[in-house]
Amino acid sequence: MAANPGGNRVDQCMIYSDCYVPESVTTDKAKKYRDKNIDLALRTGSLPSIT
């Protein structure tokens, strides 16, 4: 994860993130675990959406 200033503004920044997923989700337990981790990453970074 990397954070960079948002243009010329001192009150914003851009956050870039990549995810490595070694295998597909095959069980409900794994899906819940993955979904919780993605949710945590988005809430921690205060990202309103993924583009």
C-alpha atoms as a PDB file:
ATOM      1  CA  MET A   1       0.000   0.000   0.000  1.00  0.00           C
ATOM      2  CA  ALA A   2       1.287   3.445  -0.856  1.00  0.00           C
ATOM      3  CA  ALA A   3      -0.072   6.893  -0.071  1.00  0.00           C
ATOM      4  CA  ASN A   4       0.722   9.960  -2.164  1.00  0.00           C
ATOM      5  CA  PRO A   5      -0.379  13.592  -1.853  1.00  0.00           C
ATOM      6  CA  GLY A   6      -3.615  14.364  -3.702  1.00  0.00           C
ATOM      7  CA  GLY A   7      -2.459  16.840  -6.326  1.00  0.00           C
ATOM      8  CA  ASN A   8      -1.694  20.236  -4.789  1.00  0.00           C
ATOM      9  CA  ARG A   9      -4.030  19.757  -1.819  1.00  0.00           C
ATOM     10  CA  VAL A  10      -2.693  19.267   1.694  1.00  0.00           C
ATOM     11  CA  ASP A  11      -5.973  17.797   2.976  1.00  0.00           C
ATOM     12  CA  GLN A  12      -6.147  14.806   0.580  1.00  0.00           C
ATOM     13  CA  CYS A  13      -4.046  11.856  -0.506  1.00  0.00           C
ATOM     14  CA  MET A  14      -4.286   8.999  -2.978  1.00  0.00           C
ATOM     15  CA  ILE A  15      -3.920   5.445  -1.684  1.00  0.00           C
ATOM     16  CA  TYR A  16      -2.868   2.647  -4.026  1.00  0.00           C
ATOM     17  CA  SER A  17      -3.155  -0.989  -3.026  1.00  0.00           C
ATOM     18  CA  ASP A  18      -2.654  -4.382  -4.654  1.00  0.00           C
ATOM     19  CA  CYS A  19      -3.861  -7.755  -3.447  1.00  0.00           C
ATOM     20  CA  TYR A  20      -2.240 -11.100  -4.064  1.00  0.00           C
ATOM     21  CA  VAL A  21      -4.750 -13.956  -4.192  1.00  0.00           C
ATOM     22  CA  PRO A  22      -2.971 -17.310  -4.524  1.00  0.00           C
ATOM     23  CA  GLU A  23      -6.120 -19.406  -5.030  1.00  0.00           C
ATOM     24  CA  SER A  24      -9.861 -19.128  -5.575  1.00  0.00           C
ATOM     25  CA  VAL A  25     -12.253 -19.114  -2.646  1.00  0.00           C
ATOM     26  CA  THR A  26     -13.818 -22.576  -2.419  1.00  0.00           C
ATOM     27  CA  THR A  27     -15.679 -22.594   0.919  1.00  0.00           C
ATOM     28  CA  ASP A  28     -18.122 -20.310   2.705  1.00  0.00           C
ATOM     29  CA  LYS A  29     -15.646 -19.964   5.584  1.00  0.00           C
ATOM     30  CA  ALA A  30     -12.902 -18.789   3.214  1.00  0.00           C
ATOM     31  CA  LYS A  31     -15.287 -16.348   1.502  1.00  0.00           C
ATOM     32  CA  LYS A  32     -16.297 -14.792   4.849  1.00  0.00           C
ATOM     33  CA  TYR A  33     -12.631 -14.487   5.855  1.00  0.00           C
ATOM     34  CA  ARG A  34     -11.726 -12.833   2.538  1.00  0.00           C
ATOM     35  CA  ASP A  35     -14.714 -10.466   2.655  1.00  0.00           C
ATOM     36  CA  LYS A  36     -13.877  -9.364   6.212  1.00  0.00           C
ATOM     37  CA  ASN A  37     -10.262  -8.644   5.232  1.00  0.00           C
ATOM     38  CA  ILE A  38     -11.293  -6.602   2.199  1.00  0.00           C
ATOM     39  CA  ASP A  39     -13.803  -4.676   4.317  1.00  0.00           C
ATOM     40  CA  LEU A  40     -11.123  -3.966   6.934  1.00  0.00           C
ATOM     41  CA  ALA A  41      -8.675  -2.734   4.290  1.00  0.00           C
ATOM     42  CA  LEU A  42     -11.276  -0.406   2.787  1.00  0.00           C
ATOM     43  CA  ARG A  43     -12.415   0.990   6.141  1.00  0.00           C
ATOM     44  CA  THR A  44      -8.838   1.446   7.394  1.00  0.00           C
ATOM     45  CA  GLY A  45      -7.836   3.324   4.251  1.00  0.00           C
ATOM     46  CA  SER A  46     -11.121   5.288   4.332  1.00  0.00           C
ATOM     47  CA  LEU A  47     -11.674   4.476   0.688  1.00  0.00           C
ATOM     48  CA  PRO A  48     -15.156   5.376  -0.556  1.00  0.00           C
ATOM     49  CA  SER A  49     -14.936   3.040  -3.569  1.00  0.00           C
ATOM     50  CA  ILE A  50     -12.637   0.938  -5.725  1.00  0.00           C
ATOM     51  CA  THR A  51     -11.926   2.110  -9.263  1.00  0.00           C
END
